[in-house]
Amino acid sequence: AEELAVAWPDLELNRENLELLDRLLSAW
C-alpha cells in the first residue's frame, strides 16, 4: 500500500510529454 515517490522538483513537461509519460506509466 506504500508508494515510492521519485520527483524532479524543477521539471515542467509540455502537454505532449505528459501524455506520453501517462501512456508509458499505465503500461508499466
PDB file of all heavy atoms in Angstrom:
ATOM      1  N   ALA A   1       0.818  -1.216   0.000  1.00  0.00           N
ATOM      2  CA  ALA A   1       0.000   0.000   0.000  1.00  0.00           C
ATOM      3  C   ALA A   1       0.856   1.273   0.000  1.00  0.00           C
ATOM      4  O   ALA A   1       0.357   2.351  -0.303  1.00  0.00           O
ATOM      5  CB  ALA A   1      -0.924   0.002   1.218  1.00  0.00           C
ATOM      6  N   GLU A   2       2.125   1.150   0.353  1.00  0.00           N
ATOM      7  CA  GLU A   2       3.025   2.309   0.391  1.00  0.00           C
ATOM      8  C   GLU A   2       3.513   2.638  -1.010  1.00  0.00           C
ATOM      9  O   GLU A   2       3.588   1.763  -1.882  1.00  0.00           O
ATOM     10  CB  GLU A   2       4.227   2.023   1.289  1.00  0.00           C
ATOM     11  CG  GLU A   2       3.893   1.917   2.750  1.00  0.00           C
ATOM     12  CD  GLU A   2       3.629   3.255   3.387  1.00  0.00           C
ATOM     13  OE1 GLU A   2       4.234   4.260   2.973  1.00  0.00           O
ATOM     14  OE2 GLU A   2       2.811   3.298   4.322  1.00  0.00           O
ATOM     15  N   GLU A   3       3.877   3.890  -1.213  1.00  0.00           N
ATOM     16  CA  GLU A   3       4.306   4.329  -2.539  1.00  0.00           C
ATOM     17  C   GLU A   3       5.701   4.947  -2.468  1.00  0.00           C
ATOM     18  O   GLU A   3       5.971   5.781  -1.600  1.00  0.00           O
ATOM     19  CB  GLU A   3       3.304   5.347  -3.077  1.00  0.00           C
ATOM     20  CG  GLU A   3       3.450   5.652  -4.530  1.00  0.00           C
ATOM     21  CD  GLU A   3       2.254   6.417  -5.068  1.00  0.00           C
ATOM     22  OE1 GLU A   3       1.995   7.535  -4.586  1.00  0.00           O
ATOM     23  OE2 GLU A   3       1.577   5.891  -5.955  1.00  0.00           O
ATOM     24  N   LEU A   4       6.549   4.526  -3.367  1.00  0.00           N
ATOM     25  CA  LEU A   4       7.845   5.154  -3.567  1.00  0.00           C
ATOM     26  C   LEU A   4       7.617   6.319  -4.520  1.00  0.00           C
ATOM     27  O   LEU A   4       7.036   6.139  -5.590  1.00  0.00           O
ATOM     28  CB  LEU A   4       8.828   4.157  -4.192  1.00  0.00           C
ATOM     29  CG  LEU A   4      10.113   4.731  -4.781  1.00  0.00           C
ATOM     30  CD1 LEU A   4      11.025   5.248  -3.678  1.00  0.00           C
ATOM     31  CD2 LEU A   4      10.836   3.679  -5.614  1.00  0.00           C
ATOM     32  N   ALA A   5       8.029   7.525  -4.128  1.00  0.00           N
ATOM     33  CA  ALA A   5       7.855   8.698  -4.992  1.00  0.00           C
ATOM     34  C   ALA A   5       9.216   9.164  -5.479  1.00  0.00           C
ATOM     35  O   ALA A   5      10.161   9.291  -4.695  1.00  0.00           O
ATOM     36  CB  ALA A   5       7.145   9.816  -4.246  1.00  0.00           C
ATOM     37  N   VAL A   6       9.299   9.380  -6.782  1.00  0.00           N
ATOM     38  CA  VAL A   6      10.506   9.900  -7.414  1.00  0.00           C
ATOM     39  C   VAL A   6      10.096  11.213  -8.073  1.00  0.00           C
ATOM     40  O   VAL A   6       9.189  11.235  -8.906  1.00  0.00           O
ATOM     41  CB  VAL A   6      11.070   8.914  -8.454  1.00  0.00           C
ATOM     42  CG1 VAL A   6      12.364   9.438  -9.041  1.00  0.00           C
ATOM     43  CG2 VAL A   6      11.276   7.532  -7.831  1.00  0.00           C
ATOM     44  N   ALA A   7      10.759  12.320  -7.682  1.00  0.00           N
ATOM     45  CA  ALA A   7      10.322  13.639  -8.143  1.00  0.00           C
ATOM     46  C   ALA A   7      11.478  14.438  -8.725  1.00  0.00           C
ATOM     47  O   ALA A   7      12.614  14.342  -8.266  1.00  0.00           O
ATOM     48  CB  ALA A   7       9.696  14.413  -6.990  1.00  0.00           C
ATOM     49  N   TRP A   8      11.141  15.205  -9.733  1.00  0.00           N
ATOM     50  CA  TRP A   8      12.048  16.164 -10.351  1.00  0.00           C
ATOM     51  C   TRP A   8      11.461  17.542 -10.028  1.00  0.00           C
ATOM     52  O   TRP A   8      10.566  18.027 -10.729  1.00  0.00           O
ATOM     53  CB  TRP A   8      12.127  15.933 -11.855  1.00  0.00           C
ATOM     54  CG  TRP A   8      12.836  14.680 -12.228  1.00  0.00           C
ATOM     55  CD1 TRP A   8      14.138  14.575 -12.633  1.00  0.00           C
ATOM     56  CD2 TRP A   8      12.309  13.345 -12.266  1.00  0.00           C
ATOM     57  NE1 TRP A   8      14.444  13.254 -12.900  1.00  0.00           N
ATOM     58  CE2 TRP A   8      13.341  12.486 -12.681  1.00  0.00           C
ATOM     59  CE3 TRP A   8      11.063  12.793 -11.956  1.00  0.00           C
ATOM     60  CZ2 TRP A   8      13.169  11.114 -12.811  1.00  0.00           C
ATOM     61  CZ3 TRP A   8      10.892  11.428 -12.088  1.00  0.00           C
ATOM     62  CH2 TRP A   8      11.934  10.603 -12.506  1.00  0.00           C
ATOM     63  N   PRO A   9      11.949  18.209  -8.966  1.00  0.00           N
ATOM     64  CA  PRO A   9      11.303  19.435  -8.471  1.00  0.00           C
ATOM     65  C   PRO A   9      11.251  20.580  -9.479  1.00  0.00           C
ATOM     66  O   PRO A   9      10.290  21.356  -9.465  1.00  0.00           O
ATOM     67  CB  PRO A   9      12.156  19.832  -7.263  1.00  0.00           C
ATOM     68  CG  PRO A   9      12.904  18.608  -6.889  1.00  0.00           C
ATOM     69  CD  PRO A   9      13.052  17.788  -8.123  1.00  0.00           C
ATOM     70  N   ASP A  10      12.240  20.708 -10.328  1.00  0.00           N
ATOM     71  CA  ASP A  10      12.292  21.850 -11.247  1.00  0.00           C
ATOM     72  C   ASP A  10      11.813  21.519 -12.656  1.00  0.00           C
ATOM     73  O   ASP A  10      11.974  22.333 -13.563  1.00  0.00           O
ATOM     74  CB  ASP A  10      13.727  22.397 -11.317  1.00  0.00           C
ATOM     75  CG  ASP A  10      14.208  22.855  -9.952  1.00  0.00           C
ATOM     76  OD1 ASP A  10      13.379  23.400  -9.194  1.00  0.00           O
ATOM     77  OD2 ASP A  10      15.398  22.659  -9.637  1.00  0.00           O
ATOM     78  N   LEU A  11      11.243  20.349 -12.837  1.00  0.00           N
ATOM     79  CA  LEU A  11      10.869  19.911 -14.187  1.00  0.00           C
ATOM     80  C   LEU A  11       9.397  20.183 -14.473  1.00  0.00           C
ATOM     81  O   LEU A  11       8.517  19.757 -13.722  1.00  0.00           O
ATOM     82  CB  LEU A  11      11.163  18.413 -14.352  1.00  0.00           C
ATOM     83  CG  LEU A  11      10.831  17.790 -15.701  1.00  0.00           C
ATOM     84  CD1 LEU A  11      11.583  18.499 -16.830  1.00  0.00           C
ATOM     85  CD2 LEU A  11      11.180  16.314 -15.687  1.00  0.00           C
ATOM     86  N   GLU A  12       9.154  20.887 -15.547  1.00  0.00           N
ATOM     87  CA  GLU A  12       7.802  21.113 -16.047  1.00  0.00           C
ATOM     88  C   GLU A  12       7.763  20.567 -17.470  1.00  0.00           C
ATOM     89  O   GLU A  12       8.529  21.009 -18.330  1.00  0.00           O
ATOM     90  CB  GLU A  12       7.459  22.606 -16.051  1.00  0.00           C
ATOM     91  CG  GLU A  12       7.399  23.235 -14.676  1.00  0.00           C
ATOM     92  CD  GLU A  12       6.261  22.693 -13.811  1.00  0.00           C
ATOM     93  OE1 GLU A  12       5.230  22.265 -14.368  1.00  0.00           O
ATOM     94  OE2 GLU A  12       6.424  22.703 -12.581  1.00  0.00           O
ATOM     95  N   LEU A  13       6.911  19.591 -17.726  1.00  0.00           N
ATOM     96  CA  LEU A  13       6.804  18.996 -19.055  1.00  0.00           C
ATOM     97  C   LEU A  13       5.664  19.625 -19.838  1.00  0.00           C
ATOM     98  O   LEU A  13       4.656  20.036 -19.256  1.00  0.00           O
ATOM     99  CB  LEU A  13       6.565  17.486 -18.935  1.00  0.00           C
ATOM    100  CG  LEU A  13       7.691  16.658 -18.315  1.00  0.00           C
ATOM    101  CD1 LEU A  13       7.258  15.202 -18.178  1.00  0.00           C
ATOM    102  CD2 LEU A  13       8.965  16.763 -19.127  1.00  0.00           C
ATOM    103  N   ASN A  14       5.806  19.626 -21.169  1.00  0.00           N
ATOM    104  CA  ASN A  14       4.715  20.114 -22.009  1.00  0.00           C
ATOM    105  C   ASN A  14       3.630  19.045 -22.108  1.00  0.00           C
ATOM    106  O   ASN A  14       3.795  17.913 -21.646  1.00  0.00           O
ATOM    107  CB  ASN A  14       5.234  20.547 -23.385  1.00  0.00           C
ATOM    108  CG  ASN A  14       5.835  19.403 -24.170  1.00  0.00           C
ATOM    109  OD1 ASN A  14       5.439  18.244 -24.028  1.00  0.00           O
ATOM    110  ND2 ASN A  14       6.804  19.712 -25.018  1.00  0.00           N
ATOM    111  N   ARG A  15       2.500  19.415 -22.688  1.00  0.00           N
ATOM    112  CA  ARG A  15       1.343  18.517 -22.767  1.00  0.00           C
ATOM    113  C   ARG A  15       1.686  17.210 -23.478  1.00  0.00           C
ATOM    114  O   ARG A  15       1.292  16.129 -23.039  1.00  0.00           O
ATOM    115  CB  ARG A  15       0.183  19.231 -23.469  1.00  0.00           C
ATOM    116  CG  ARG A  15      -1.102  18.413 -23.524  1.00  0.00           C
ATOM    117  CD  ARG A  15      -2.230  19.137 -24.237  1.00  0.00           C
ATOM    118  NE  ARG A  15      -1.892  19.632 -25.557  1.00  0.00           N
ATOM    119  CZ  ARG A  15      -1.828  18.860 -26.666  1.00  0.00           C
ATOM    120  NH1 ARG A  15      -2.095  17.588 -26.593  1.00  0.00           N
ATOM    121  NH2 ARG A  15      -1.529  19.392 -27.833  1.00  0.00           N
ATOM    122  N   GLU A  16       2.417  17.281 -24.590  1.00  0.00           N
ATOM    123  CA  GLU A  16       2.761  16.070 -25.349  1.00  0.00           C
ATOM    124  C   GLU A  16       3.607  15.112 -24.508  1.00  0.00           C
ATOM    125  O   GLU A  16       3.381  13.902 -24.513  1.00  0.00           O
ATOM    126  CB  GLU A  16       3.504  16.416 -26.646  1.00  0.00           C
ATOM    127  CG  GLU A  16       2.665  17.141 -27.674  1.00  0.00           C
ATOM    128  CD  GLU A  16       2.585  18.643 -27.425  1.00  0.00           C
ATOM    129  OE1 GLU A  16       3.405  19.188 -26.644  1.00  0.00           O
ATOM    130  OE2 GLU A  16       1.681  19.276 -27.993  1.00  0.00           O
ATOM    131  N   ASN A  17       4.582  15.663 -23.769  1.00  0.00           N
ATOM    132  CA  ASN A  17       5.418  14.818 -22.919  1.00  0.00           C
ATOM    133  C   ASN A  17       4.612  14.203 -21.787  1.00  0.00           C
ATOM    134  O   ASN A  17       4.819  13.041 -21.432  1.00  0.00           O
ATOM    135  CB  ASN A  17       6.594  15.617 -22.350  1.00  0.00           C
ATOM    136  CG  ASN A  17       7.708  15.789 -23.347  1.00  0.00           C
ATOM    137  OD1 ASN A  17       7.935  14.941 -24.198  1.00  0.00           O
ATOM    138  ND2 ASN A  17       8.422  16.902 -23.256  1.00  0.00           N
ATOM    139  N   LEU A  18       3.692  14.976 -21.204  1.00  0.00           N
ATOM    140  CA  LEU A  18       2.868  14.430 -20.129  1.00  0.00           C
ATOM    141  C   LEU A  18       1.965  13.314 -20.638  1.00  0.00           C
ATOM    142  O   LEU A  18       1.784  12.297 -19.967  1.00  0.00           O
ATOM    143  CB  LEU A  18       2.034  15.540 -19.488  1.00  0.00           C
ATOM    144  CG  LEU A  18       2.808  16.536 -18.626  1.00  0.00           C
ATOM    145  CD1 LEU A  18       1.892  17.674 -18.182  1.00  0.00           C
ATOM    146  CD2 LEU A  18       3.442  15.850 -17.433  1.00  0.00           C
ATOM    147  N   GLU A  19       1.393  13.489 -21.829  1.00  0.00           N
ATOM    148  CA  GLU A  19       0.536  12.441 -22.403  1.00  0.00           C
ATOM    149  C   GLU A  19       1.342  11.169 -22.669  1.00  0.00           C
ATOM    150  O   GLU A  19       0.882  10.058 -22.385  1.00  0.00           O
ATOM    151  CB  GLU A  19      -0.122  12.936 -23.685  1.00  0.00           C
ATOM    152  CG  GLU A  19      -1.200  13.972 -23.441  1.00  0.00           C
ATOM    153  CD  GLU A  19      -1.732  14.603 -24.720  1.00  0.00           C
ATOM    154  OE1 GLU A  19      -1.255  14.265 -25.827  1.00  0.00           O
ATOM    155  OE2 GLU A  19      -2.643  15.451 -24.606  1.00  0.00           O
ATOM    156  N   LEU A  20       2.542  11.330 -23.229  1.00  0.00           N
ATOM    157  CA  LEU A  20       3.397  10.164 -23.476  1.00  0.00           C
ATOM    158  C   LEU A  20       3.769   9.504 -22.157  1.00  0.00           C
ATOM    159  O   LEU A  20       3.682   8.276 -22.025  1.00  0.00           O
ATOM    160  CB  LEU A  20       4.649  10.565 -24.253  1.00  0.00           C
ATOM    161  CG  LEU A  20       5.687   9.455 -24.453  1.00  0.00           C
ATOM    162  CD1 LEU A  20       5.089   8.267 -25.203  1.00  0.00           C
ATOM    163  CD2 LEU A  20       6.918  10.000 -25.176  1.00  0.00           C
ATOM    164  N   LEU A  21       4.168  10.284 -21.175  1.00  0.00           N
ATOM    165  CA  LEU A  21       4.534   9.720 -19.875  1.00  0.00           C
ATOM    166  C   LEU A  21       3.367   8.968 -19.261  1.00  0.00           C
ATOM    167  O   LEU A  21       3.536   7.855 -18.745  1.00  0.00           O
ATOM    168  CB  LEU A  21       5.015  10.827 -18.934  1.00  0.00           C
ATOM    169  CG  LEU A  21       5.426  10.370 -17.538  1.00  0.00           C
ATOM    170  CD1 LEU A  21       6.595   9.393 -17.600  1.00  0.00           C
ATOM    171  CD2 LEU A  21       5.760  11.562 -16.663  1.00  0.00           C
ATOM    172  N   ASP A  22       2.170   9.524 -19.325  1.00  0.00           N
ATOM    173  CA  ASP A  22       0.989   8.839 -18.774  1.00  0.00           C
ATOM    174  C   ASP A  22       0.732   7.514 -19.484  1.00  0.00           C
ATOM    175  O   ASP A  22       0.372   6.519 -18.845  1.00  0.00           O
ATOM    176  CB  ASP A  22      -0.242   9.737 -18.836  1.00  0.00           C
ATOM    177  CG  ASP A  22      -0.186  10.878 -17.831  1.00  0.00           C
ATOM    178  OD1 ASP A  22       0.597  10.792 -16.862  1.00  0.00           O
ATOM    179  OD2 ASP A  22      -0.920  11.870 -18.023  1.00  0.00           O
ATOM    180  N   ARG A  23       0.905   7.480 -20.809  1.00  0.00           N
ATOM    181  CA  ARG A  23       0.739   6.213 -21.544  1.00  0.00           C
ATOM    182  C   ARG A  23       1.779   5.194 -21.097  1.00  0.00           C
ATOM    183  O   ARG A  23       1.466   4.017 -20.908  1.00  0.00           O
ATOM    184  CB  ARG A  23       0.866   6.441 -23.055  1.00  0.00           C
ATOM    185  CG  ARG A  23      -0.382   6.943 -23.709  1.00  0.00           C
ATOM    186  CD  ARG A  23      -0.398   6.776 -25.223  1.00  0.00           C
ATOM    187  NE  ARG A  23       0.804   7.200 -25.915  1.00  0.00           N
ATOM    188  CZ  ARG A  23       1.065   8.447 -26.317  1.00  0.00           C
ATOM    189  NH1 ARG A  23       0.201   9.408 -26.077  1.00  0.00           N
ATOM    190  NH2 ARG A  23       2.166   8.718 -26.955  1.00  0.00           N
ATOM    191  N   LEU A  24       3.012   5.642 -20.937  1.00  0.00           N
ATOM    192  CA  LEU A  24       4.080   4.730 -20.504  1.00  0.00           C
ATOM    193  C   LEU A  24       3.832   4.220 -19.087  1.00  0.00           C
ATOM    194  O   LEU A  24       3.973   3.022 -18.818  1.00  0.00           O
ATOM    195  CB  LEU A  24       5.441   5.428 -20.584  1.00  0.00           C
ATOM    196  CG  LEU A  24       5.916   5.808 -21.975  1.00  0.00           C
ATOM    197  CD1 LEU A  24       7.173   6.664 -21.896  1.00  0.00           C
ATOM    198  CD2 LEU A  24       6.153   4.580 -22.831  1.00  0.00           C
ATOM    199  N   LEU A  25       3.436   5.108 -18.188  1.00  0.00           N
ATOM    200  CA  LEU A  25       3.200   4.697 -16.802  1.00  0.00           C
ATOM    201  C   LEU A  25       2.047   3.711 -16.697  1.00  0.00           C
ATOM    202  O   LEU A  25       2.099   2.765 -15.912  1.00  0.00           O
ATOM    203  CB  LEU A  25       2.937   5.922 -15.921  1.00  0.00           C
ATOM    204  CG  LEU A  25       4.105   6.901 -15.763  1.00  0.00           C
ATOM    205  CD1 LEU A  25       3.680   8.097 -14.928  1.00  0.00           C
ATOM    206  CD2 LEU A  25       5.331   6.230 -15.185  1.00  0.00           C
ATOM    207  N   SER A  26       1.008   3.904 -17.497  1.00  0.00           N
ATOM    208  CA  SER A  26      -0.143   2.991 -17.427  1.00  0.00           C
ATOM    209  C   SER A  26       0.187   1.608 -17.994  1.00  0.00           C
ATOM    210  O   SER A  26      -0.460   0.630 -17.630  1.00  0.00           O
ATOM    211  CB  SER A  26      -1.348   3.588 -18.147  1.00  0.00           C
ATOM    212  OG  SER A  26      -1.122   3.636 -19.535  1.00  0.00           O
ATOM    213  N   ALA A  27       1.202   1.521 -18.847  1.00  0.00           N
ATOM    214  CA  ALA A  27       1.585   0.229 -19.434  1.00  0.00           C
ATOM    215  C   ALA A  27       2.731  -0.447 -18.682  1.00  0.00           C
ATOM    216  O   ALA A  27       3.082  -1.592 -18.982  1.00  0.00           O
ATOM    217  CB  ALA A  27       1.991   0.425 -20.899  1.00  0.00           C
ATOM    218  N   TRP A  28       3.310   0.225 -17.710  1.00  0.00           N
ATOM    219  CA  TRP A  28       4.471  -0.282 -16.969  1.00  0.00           C
ATOM    220  C   TRP A  28       4.024  -1.415 -16.060  1.00  0.00           C
ATOM    221  O   TRP A  28       3.092  -1.269 -15.276  1.00  0.00           O
ATOM    222  CB  TRP A  28       5.028   0.846 -16.142  1.00  0.00           C
ATOM    223  CG  TRP A  28       6.459   0.754 -15.748  1.00  0.00           C
ATOM    224  CD1 TRP A  28       7.199  -0.380 -15.553  1.00  0.00           C
ATOM    225  CD2 TRP A  28       7.327   1.849 -15.470  1.00  0.00           C
ATOM    226  NE1 TRP A  28       8.468  -0.044 -15.172  1.00  0.00           N
ATOM    227  CE2 TRP A  28       8.572   1.314 -15.119  1.00  0.00           C
ATOM    228  CE3 TRP A  28       7.167   3.212 -15.473  1.00  0.00           C
ATOM    229  CZ2 TRP A  28       9.658   2.117 -14.769  1.00  0.00           C
ATOM    230  CZ3 TRP A  28       8.234   4.010 -15.134  1.00  0.00           C
ATOM    231  CH2 TRP A  28       9.466   3.471 -14.788  1.00  0.00           C
TER     232      TRP A  28
END
